């Protein structure tokens, strides 16, 4: 069972449904680490115009591992959890994606089956772009296609580095790395200077991203709260000391 950051059950009868991580229609700001933020205004507008707006409800599947991929999605709001299932049926969270990110681009680019499943966490807004429309976009905007390729390589590099970290870092360093990356990539600066991560993650999901057991995740989050590094609310983390996280993740 996934455990919220400040509650016992994310799907109990008294728990509110997961709300969108960010607005589904506001297009004024894009997270600095997202693909949309790396494109020029013209490239971004053309990409969003190349597809059809769609909406997913909580737990809906955007792409399914093993299926053929004939389209990709540009996320315009909400959060998506990317998971991979082993032959034994065990499912592991690989990453989370949010506003401005692409989902499903691997299969569209190489024509191979989907490598992972992407599932909506709360309500998700997106633009669906078919393979032919995406190919036409790349022909009209070759510089944008190069940017998308670099973004794809960055995802693969981050996944490789995280896998290597699981072999060398302790649980606290791995969890600090995940929180730091989420804050740096999606964080929004609050009035008090804290960096709020606007993603409704549970303790289990954070732990899976870091390769840490949920009980250990709960303990480490408690230590970081006591040290004044973070503050947590219901499915919310506010980072009060980014420098501290940057240091301990490489200690």
C-alpha atoms as a PDB file:
ATOM      1  CA  UNK A   1       0.000   0.000   0.000  1.00  0.00           C
ATOM      2  CA  UNK A   2       1.318   3.417  -0.905  1.00  0.00           C
ATOM      3  CA  UNK A   3       1.686   5.718   2.085  1.00  0.00           C
ATOM      4  CA  UNK A   4       1.106   9.481   1.608  1.00  0.00           C
ATOM      5  CA  UNK A   5       3.695  11.851   2.984  1.00  0.00           C
ATOM      6  CA  UNK A   6       1.511  12.831   5.929  1.00  0.00           C
ATOM      7  CA  UNK A   7      -1.239  10.213   6.040  1.00  0.00           C
ATOM      8  CA  UNK A   8      -1.613   6.443   6.223  1.00  0.00           C
ATOM      9  CA  UNK A   9      -3.521   5.560   3.050  1.00  0.00           C
ATOM     10  CA  UNK A  10      -3.701   7.410  -0.269  1.00  0.00           C
ATOM     11  CA  UNK A  11      -6.943   5.719  -1.280  1.00  0.00           C
ATOM     12  CA  UNK A  12      -8.882   5.524   1.989  1.00  0.00           C
ATOM     13  CA  UNK A  13     -12.540   6.520   2.081  1.00  0.00           C
ATOM     14  CA  UNK A  14     -11.702   9.778   3.817  1.00  0.00           C
ATOM     15  CA  UNK A  15      -8.829  10.726   1.516  1.00  0.00           C
ATOM     16  CA  UNK A  16      -9.497  13.231  -1.271  1.00  0.00           C
ATOM     17  CA  UNK A  17      -8.826  12.055  -4.844  1.00  0.00           C
ATOM     18  CA  UNK A  18      -5.523  13.084  -6.305  1.00  0.00           C
ATOM     19  CA  UNK A  19      -5.875  16.535  -7.810  1.00  0.00           C
ATOM     20  CA  UNK A  20      -3.878  17.651 -10.838  1.00  0.00           C
ATOM     21  CA  UNK A  21      -0.259  18.343  -9.946  1.00  0.00           C
ATOM     22  CA  UNK A  22      -0.504  21.567 -11.932  1.00  0.00           C
ATOM     23  CA  UNK A  23      -3.215  23.306 -13.933  1.00  0.00           C
ATOM     24  CA  UNK A  24      -4.337  21.433 -17.031  1.00  0.00           C
ATOM     25  CA  UNK A  25      -4.742  24.469 -19.267  1.00  0.00           C
ATOM     26  CA  UNK A  26      -2.303  27.158 -18.065  1.00  0.00           C
ATOM     27  CA  UNK A  27       0.507  27.442 -20.597  1.00  0.00           C
ATOM     28  CA  UNK A  28       2.459  30.399 -19.263  1.00  0.00           C
ATOM     29  CA  UNK A  29       5.145  28.543 -17.344  1.00  0.00           C
ATOM     30  CA  UNK A  30       6.920  25.285 -18.006  1.00  0.00           C
ATOM     31  CA  UNK A  31       9.207  23.473 -15.537  1.00  0.00           C
ATOM     32  CA  UNK A  32      12.777  24.413 -16.350  1.00  0.00           C
ATOM     33  CA  UNK A  33      13.904  20.817 -16.851  1.00  0.00           C
ATOM     34  CA  UNK A  34      11.011  19.866 -19.118  1.00  0.00           C
ATOM     35  CA  UNK A  35      11.242  19.391 -22.870  1.00  0.00           C
ATOM     36  CA  UNK A  36       8.707  22.175 -23.467  1.00  0.00           C
ATOM     37  CA  UNK A  37      10.930  24.670 -21.649  1.00  0.00           C
ATOM     38  CA  UNK A  38      13.868  23.799 -23.926  1.00  0.00           C
ATOM     39  CA  UNK A  39      11.962  24.525 -27.138  1.00  0.00           C
ATOM     40  CA  UNK A  40      11.585  27.991 -28.611  1.00  0.00           C
ATOM     41  CA  UNK A  41       8.148  29.620 -28.445  1.00  0.00           C
ATOM     42  CA  UNK A  42       7.559  28.828 -32.120  1.00  0.00           C
ATOM     43  CA  UNK A  43       8.709  25.206 -31.787  1.00  0.00           C
ATOM     44  CA  UNK A  44       6.601  24.660 -28.666  1.00  0.00           C
ATOM     45  CA  UNK A  45       3.475  26.164 -30.211  1.00  0.00           C
ATOM     46  CA  UNK A  46       3.903  24.026 -33.321  1.00  0.00           C
ATOM     47  CA  UNK A  47       4.386  20.875 -31.248  1.00  0.00           C
ATOM     48  CA  UNK A  48       1.203  21.501 -29.255  1.00  0.00           C
ATOM     49  CA  UNK A  49      -0.686  22.286 -32.459  1.00  0.00           C
ATOM     50  CA  UNK A  50       0.453  19.026 -34.075  1.00  0.00           C
ATOM     51  CA  UNK A  51      -1.833  16.879 -31.944  1.00  0.00           C
ATOM     52  CA  UNK A  52      -5.176  16.598 -30.187  1.00  0.00           C
ATOM     53  CA  UNK A  53      -5.828  17.640 -26.559  1.00  0.00           C
ATOM     54  CA  UNK A  54      -6.819  14.684 -24.364  1.00  0.00           C
ATOM     55  CA  UNK A  55      -7.611  14.149 -20.692  1.00  0.00           C
ATOM     56  CA  UNK A  56      -6.878  11.158 -18.463  1.00  0.00           C
ATOM     57  CA  UNK A  57      -8.477  10.359 -15.139  1.00  0.00           C
ATOM     58  CA  UNK A  58      -6.627   8.994 -12.112  1.00  0.00           C
ATOM     59  CA  UNK A  59      -5.026   5.592 -12.828  1.00  0.00           C
ATOM     60  CA  UNK A  60      -5.733   5.735 -16.585  1.00  0.00           C
ATOM     61  CA  UNK A  61      -2.977   4.239 -18.761  1.00  0.00           C
ATOM     62  CA  UNK A  62      -1.394   6.496 -21.377  1.00  0.00           C
ATOM     63  CA  UNK A  63       0.993   3.902 -22.811  1.00  0.00           C
ATOM     64  CA  UNK A  64       1.304   0.201 -21.975  1.00  0.00           C
ATOM     65  CA  UNK A  65       4.537  -1.769 -21.790  1.00  0.00           C
ATOM     66  CA  UNK A  66       4.922  -4.180 -24.703  1.00  0.00           C
ATOM     67  CA  UNK A  67       2.359  -2.554 -26.986  1.00  0.00           C
ATOM     68  CA  UNK A  68       3.171  -0.974 -30.336  1.00  0.00           C
ATOM     69  CA  UNK A  69       3.683   2.772 -30.134  1.00  0.00           C
ATOM     70  CA  UNK A  70       1.963   4.852 -32.787  1.00  0.00           C
ATOM     71  CA  UNK A  71       1.744   8.098 -30.815  1.00  0.00           C
ATOM     72  CA  UNK A  72       3.348  10.157 -28.075  1.00  0.00           C
ATOM     73  CA  UNK A  73       2.008  12.654 -25.546  1.00  0.00           C
ATOM     74  CA  UNK A  74       3.068  16.132 -24.480  1.00  0.00           C
ATOM     75  CA  UNK A  75       1.932  16.562 -20.884  1.00  0.00           C
ATOM     76  CA  UNK A  76       0.180  19.879 -20.278  1.00  0.00           C
ATOM     77  CA  UNK A  77      -0.797  19.245 -16.670  1.00  0.00           C
ATOM     78  CA  UNK A  78      -0.839  16.631 -13.945  1.00  0.00           C
ATOM     79  CA  UNK A  79       1.607  13.849 -13.156  1.00  0.00           C
ATOM     80  CA  UNK A  80       2.357  10.502 -14.791  1.00  0.00           C
ATOM     81  CA  UNK A  81       4.121   7.577 -13.145  1.00  0.00           C
ATOM     82  CA  UNK A  82       6.357   5.473 -15.391  1.00  0.00           C
ATOM     83  CA  UNK A  83       6.698   1.831 -14.330  1.00  0.00           C
ATOM     84  CA  UNK A  84       8.198  -1.359 -15.718  1.00  0.00           C
ATOM     85  CA  UNK A  85       6.986  -4.896 -15.011  1.00  0.00           C
ATOM     86  CA  UNK A  86       9.322  -7.893 -14.793  1.00  0.00           C
ATOM     87  CA  UNK A  87       8.522 -11.394 -16.023  1.00  0.00           C
ATOM     88  CA  UNK A  88       7.453 -12.276 -12.465  1.00  0.00           C
ATOM     89  CA  UNK A  89       4.884  -9.482 -12.469  1.00  0.00           C
ATOM     90  CA  UNK A  90       6.739  -7.200 -10.068  1.00  0.00           C
ATOM     91  CA  UNK A  91       6.224  -3.533 -10.970  1.00  0.00           C
ATOM     92  CA  UNK A  92       8.858  -0.888 -10.277  1.00  0.00           C
ATOM     93  CA  UNK A  93       8.539   2.877 -10.555  1.00  0.00           C
ATOM     94  CA  UNK A  94      11.220   4.198 -12.899  1.00  0.00           C
ATOM     95  CA  UNK A  95      10.344   7.886 -13.071  1.00  0.00           C
ATOM     96  CA  UNK A  96       7.646  10.502 -12.793  1.00  0.00           C
ATOM     97  CA  UNK A  97       6.840  12.953 -15.548  1.00  0.00           C
ATOM     98  CA  UNK A  98       4.811  16.131 -15.428  1.00  0.00           C
ATOM     99  CA  UNK A  99       3.975  19.318 -17.276  1.00  0.00           C
ATOM    100  CA  UNK A 100       6.085  19.879 -20.393  1.00  0.00           C
ATOM    101  CA  UNK A 101       7.462  16.327 -20.571  1.00  0.00           C
ATOM    102  CA  UNK A 102       7.031  13.806 -23.379  1.00  0.00           C
ATOM    103  CA  UNK A 103       5.570  10.351 -22.834  1.00  0.00           C
ATOM    104  CA  UNK A 104       5.941   7.522 -25.331  1.00  0.00           C
ATOM    105  CA  UNK A 105       8.560   9.101 -27.566  1.00  0.00           C
ATOM    106  CA  UNK A 106      10.900   6.065 -27.460  1.00  0.00           C
ATOM    107  CA  UNK A 107       8.520   3.816 -29.413  1.00  0.00           C
ATOM    108  CA  UNK A 108       7.580   6.566 -31.863  1.00  0.00           C
ATOM    109  CA  UNK A 109      11.227   7.269 -32.672  1.00  0.00           C
ATOM    110  CA  UNK A 110      12.499   3.688 -33.021  1.00  0.00           C
ATOM    111  CA  UNK A 111       9.327   1.789 -33.952  1.00  0.00           C
ATOM    112  CA  UNK A 112       9.862  -0.783 -31.188  1.00  0.00           C
ATOM    113  CA  UNK A 113       7.269  -1.851 -28.580  1.00  0.00           C
ATOM    114  CA  UNK A 114       6.715   0.324 -25.512  1.00  0.00           C
ATOM    115  CA  UNK A 115       9.444  -0.215 -22.910  1.00  0.00           C
ATOM    116  CA  UNK A 116       7.342   0.871 -19.922  1.00  0.00           C
ATOM    117  CA  UNK A 117       3.840   1.722 -18.765  1.00  0.00           C
ATOM    118  CA  UNK A 118       2.810   5.321 -18.068  1.00  0.00           C
ATOM    119  CA  UNK A 119      -0.161   5.791 -15.730  1.00  0.00           C
ATOM    120  CA  UNK A 120      -1.977   8.977 -14.713  1.00  0.00           C
ATOM    121  CA  UNK A 121      -1.637  10.062 -11.083  1.00  0.00           C
ATOM    122  CA  UNK A 122      -4.697  12.230 -10.586  1.00  0.00           C
ATOM    123  CA  UNK A 123      -6.193  14.053 -13.563  1.00  0.00           C
ATOM    124  CA  UNK A 124      -3.749  14.548 -16.435  1.00  0.00           C
ATOM    125  CA  UNK A 125      -3.966  16.838 -19.459  1.00  0.00           C
ATOM    126  CA  UNK A 126      -1.955  16.083 -22.594  1.00  0.00           C
ATOM    127  CA  UNK A 127      -1.683  16.544 -26.339  1.00  0.00           C
ATOM    128  CA  UNK A 128      -1.640  13.292 -28.311  1.00  0.00           C
ATOM    129  CA  UNK A 129       0.548  13.367 -31.444  1.00  0.00           C
ATOM    130  CA  UNK A 130       0.501  10.512 -33.952  1.00  0.00           C
ATOM    131  CA  UNK A 131       3.629   9.099 -35.559  1.00  0.00           C
ATOM    132  CA  UNK A 132       3.005  10.724 -38.963  1.00  0.00           C
ATOM    133  CA  UNK A 133       2.215  14.123 -37.440  1.00  0.00           C
ATOM    134  CA  UNK A 134       5.338  13.946 -35.289  1.00  0.00           C
ATOM    135  CA  UNK A 135       7.475  13.038 -38.308  1.00  0.00           C
ATOM    136  CA  UNK A 136       6.043  16.015 -40.200  1.00  0.00           C
ATOM    137  CA  UNK A 137       6.789  18.253 -37.199  1.00  0.00           C
ATOM    138  CA  UNK A 138      10.405  17.047 -37.180  1.00  0.00           C
ATOM    139  CA  UNK A 139      10.773  17.869 -40.874  1.00  0.00           C
ATOM    140  CA  UNK A 140       9.460  21.394 -40.358  1.00  0.00           C
ATOM    141  CA  UNK A 141      11.458  21.964 -37.164  1.00  0.00           C
ATOM    142  CA  UNK A 142      14.738  19.998 -37.358  1.00  0.00           C
ATOM    143  CA  UNK A 143      16.298  22.016 -34.524  1.00  0.00           C
ATOM    144  CA  UNK A 144      13.408  21.025 -32.272  1.00  0.00           C
ATOM    145  CA  UNK A 145      13.890  17.373 -33.191  1.00  0.00           C
ATOM    146  CA  UNK A 146      17.540  17.678 -32.168  1.00  0.00           C
ATOM    147  CA  UNK A 147      16.432  19.184 -28.836  1.00  0.00           C
ATOM    148  CA  UNK A 148      13.998  16.302 -28.300  1.00  0.00           C
ATOM    149  CA  UNK A 149      16.785  13.815 -29.025  1.00  0.00           C
ATOM    150  CA  UNK A 150      19.057  15.492 -26.479  1.00  0.00           C
ATOM    151  CA  UNK A 151      16.237  15.388 -23.941  1.00  0.00           C
ATOM    152  CA  UNK A 152      15.804  11.681 -24.614  1.00  0.00           C
ATOM    153  CA  UNK A 153      19.517  11.058 -24.105  1.00  0.00           C
ATOM    154  CA  UNK A 154      19.377  13.038 -20.848  1.00  0.00           C
ATOM    155  CA  UNK A 155      16.591  10.748 -19.594  1.00  0.00           C
ATOM    156  CA  UNK A 156      18.669   7.681 -20.411  1.00  0.00           C
ATOM    157  CA  UNK A 157      21.742   9.181 -18.766  1.00  0.00           C
ATOM    158  CA  UNK A 158      19.804  10.012 -15.606  1.00  0.00           C
ATOM    159  CA  UNK A 159      18.414   6.477 -15.454  1.00  0.00           C
ATOM    160  CA  UNK A 160      21.921   5.032 -15.825  1.00  0.00           C
ATOM    161  CA  UNK A 161      23.363   7.299 -13.143  1.00  0.00           C
ATOM    162  CA  UNK A 162      20.544   6.426 -10.747  1.00  0.00           C
ATOM    163  CA  UNK A 163      21.083   2.709 -11.351  1.00  0.00           C
ATOM    164  CA  UNK A 164      24.789   3.136 -10.614  1.00  0.00           C
ATOM    165  CA  UNK A 165      23.972   5.163  -7.490  1.00  0.00           C
ATOM    166  CA  UNK A 166      21.851   2.326  -6.121  1.00  0.00           C
ATOM    167  CA  UNK A 167      25.020   0.218  -6.003  1.00  0.00           C
ATOM    168  CA  UNK A 168      27.231   2.776  -4.258  1.00  0.00           C
ATOM    169  CA  UNK A 169      25.117   5.237  -2.258  1.00  0.00           C
ATOM    170  CA  UNK A 170      23.304   4.668   0.997  1.00  0.00           C
ATOM    171  CA  UNK A 171      19.536   5.021   1.355  1.00  0.00           C
ATOM    172  CA  UNK A 172      19.721   8.629   2.580  1.00  0.00           C
ATOM    173  CA  UNK A 173      21.902   9.728  -0.336  1.00  0.00           C
ATOM    174  CA  UNK A 174      19.644   8.025  -2.895  1.00  0.00           C
ATOM    175  CA  UNK A 175      16.497   9.586  -1.445  1.00  0.00           C
ATOM    176  CA  UNK A 176      18.201  12.990  -1.267  1.00  0.00           C
ATOM    177  CA  UNK A 177      19.093  12.631  -4.957  1.00  0.00           C
ATOM    178  CA  UNK A 178      15.478  11.925  -5.931  1.00  0.00           C
ATOM    179  CA  UNK A 179      14.091  14.841  -3.899  1.00  0.00           C
ATOM    180  CA  UNK A 180      16.777  17.170  -5.255  1.00  0.00           C
ATOM    181  CA  UNK A 181      16.063  16.189  -8.868  1.00  0.00           C
ATOM    182  CA  UNK A 182      12.298  16.591  -8.431  1.00  0.00           C
ATOM    183  CA  UNK A 183      12.760  19.997  -6.811  1.00  0.00           C
ATOM    184  CA  UNK A 184      15.258  21.155  -9.439  1.00  0.00           C
ATOM    185  CA  UNK A 185      13.134  19.898 -12.326  1.00  0.00           C
ATOM    186  CA  UNK A 186       9.587  20.678 -11.211  1.00  0.00           C
ATOM    187  CA  UNK A 187       9.874  22.820  -8.091  1.00  0.00           C
ATOM    188  CA  UNK A 188       8.042  26.107  -7.663  1.00  0.00           C
ATOM    189  CA  UNK A 189       9.482  28.847  -5.440  1.00  0.00           C
ATOM    190  CA  UNK A 190       7.201  29.717  -2.512  1.00  0.00           C
ATOM    191  CA  UNK A 191       6.934  33.123  -0.828  1.00  0.00           C
ATOM    192  CA  UNK A 192       9.093  31.924   2.082  1.00  0.00           C
ATOM    193  CA  UNK A 193      11.880  30.816  -0.276  1.00  0.00           C
ATOM    194  CA  UNK A 194      11.163  27.089  -0.078  1.00  0.00           C
ATOM    195  CA  UNK A 195      11.016  25.044  -3.284  1.00  0.00           C
ATOM    196  CA  UNK A 196       7.681  23.226  -3.419  1.00  0.00           C
ATOM    197  CA  UNK A 197       7.458  20.019  -5.453  1.00  0.00           C
ATOM    198  CA  UNK A 198       3.922  20.157  -6.943  1.00  0.00           C
ATOM    199  CA  UNK A 199       3.680  16.404  -7.507  1.00  0.00           C
ATOM    200  CA  UNK A 200       1.322  14.217  -5.415  1.00  0.00           C
ATOM    201  CA  UNK A 201       3.854  11.513  -4.588  1.00  0.00           C
ATOM    202  CA  UNK A 202       3.416   8.950  -1.829  1.00  0.00           C
ATOM    203  CA  UNK A 203       6.206   7.688   0.392  1.00  0.00           C
ATOM    204  CA  UNK A 204       6.168   4.377  -1.463  1.00  0.00           C
ATOM    205  CA  UNK A 205       6.549   6.118  -4.829  1.00  0.00           C
ATOM    206  CA  UNK A 206       9.453   8.205  -3.530  1.00  0.00           C
ATOM    207  CA  UNK A 207      11.055   5.084  -2.136  1.00  0.00           C
ATOM    208  CA  UNK A 208      10.641   3.187  -5.402  1.00  0.00           C
ATOM    209  CA  UNK A 209      12.295   6.032  -7.310  1.00  0.00           C
ATOM    210  CA  UNK A 210      15.240   5.867  -4.921  1.00  0.00           C
ATOM    211  CA  UNK A 211      15.339   2.092  -4.499  1.00  0.00           C
ATOM    212  CA  UNK A 212      14.560   2.439  -0.788  1.00  0.00           C
ATOM    213  CA  UNK A 213      12.023   0.535   1.339  1.00  0.00           C
ATOM    214  CA  UNK A 214       8.980   2.535   2.431  1.00  0.00           C
ATOM    215  CA  UNK A 215       9.844   2.160   6.133  1.00  0.00           C
ATOM    216  CA  UNK A 216      13.332   3.538   5.462  1.00  0.00           C
ATOM    217  CA  UNK A 217      11.868   6.335   3.345  1.00  0.00           C
ATOM    218  CA  UNK A 218       9.573   7.315   6.215  1.00  0.00           C
ATOM    219  CA  UNK A 219      12.483   7.366   8.662  1.00  0.00           C
ATOM    220  CA  UNK A 220      14.744   9.453   6.398  1.00  0.00           C
ATOM    221  CA  UNK A 221      11.967  11.941   5.628  1.00  0.00           C
ATOM    222  CA  UNK A 222      11.482  12.320   9.373  1.00  0.00           C
ATOM    223  CA  UNK A 223      15.196  13.043   9.820  1.00  0.00           C
ATOM    224  CA  UNK A 224      15.152  15.627   7.025  1.00  0.00           C
ATOM    225  CA  UNK A 225      12.096  17.296   8.587  1.00  0.00           C
ATOM    226  CA  UNK A 226      13.770  17.469  12.000  1.00  0.00           C
ATOM    227  CA  UNK A 227      16.892  18.960  10.411  1.00  0.00           C
ATOM    228  CA  UNK A 228      14.762  21.639   8.729  1.00  0.00           C
ATOM    229  CA  UNK A 229      15.747  20.465   5.242  1.00  0.00           C
ATOM    230  CA  UNK A 230      12.193  19.717   4.124  1.00  0.00           C
ATOM    231  CA  UNK A 231       8.622  20.209   5.249  1.00  0.00           C
ATOM    232  CA  UNK A 232       5.891  17.773   4.218  1.00  0.00           C
ATOM    233  CA  UNK A 233       2.145  18.000   3.863  1.00  0.00           C
ATOM    234  CA  UNK A 234      -0.415  15.702   2.303  1.00  0.00           C
ATOM    235  CA  UNK A 235       1.409  14.458  -0.830  1.00  0.00           C
ATOM    236  CA  UNK A 236       3.596  17.562  -0.822  1.00  0.00           C
ATOM    237  CA  UNK A 237       7.240  18.291  -0.141  1.00  0.00           C
ATOM    238  CA  UNK A 238       8.722  21.745   0.361  1.00  0.00           C
ATOM    239  CA  UNK A 239      12.523  21.798   0.214  1.00  0.00           C
ATOM    240  CA  UNK A 240      13.917  24.454   2.551  1.00  0.00           C
ATOM    241  CA  UNK A 241      17.601  23.697   2.027  1.00  0.00           C
ATOM    242  CA  UNK A 242      18.552  22.654  -1.502  1.00  0.00           C
ATOM    243  CA  UNK A 243      22.266  23.062  -0.715  1.00  0.00           C
ATOM    244  CA  UNK A 244      22.028  20.475   2.059  1.00  0.00           C
ATOM    245  CA  UNK A 245      20.475  17.935  -0.292  1.00  0.00           C
ATOM    246  CA  UNK A 246      23.096  18.680  -2.942  1.00  0.00           C
ATOM    247  CA  UNK A 247      25.866  17.927  -0.443  1.00  0.00           C
ATOM    248  CA  UNK A 248      24.537  14.741   1.137  1.00  0.00           C
ATOM    249  CA  UNK A 249      23.615  13.133  -2.189  1.00  0.00           C
ATOM    250  CA  UNK A 250      27.326  13.133  -3.076  1.00  0.00           C
ATOM    251  CA  UNK A 251      28.680  12.408   0.392  1.00  0.00           C
END
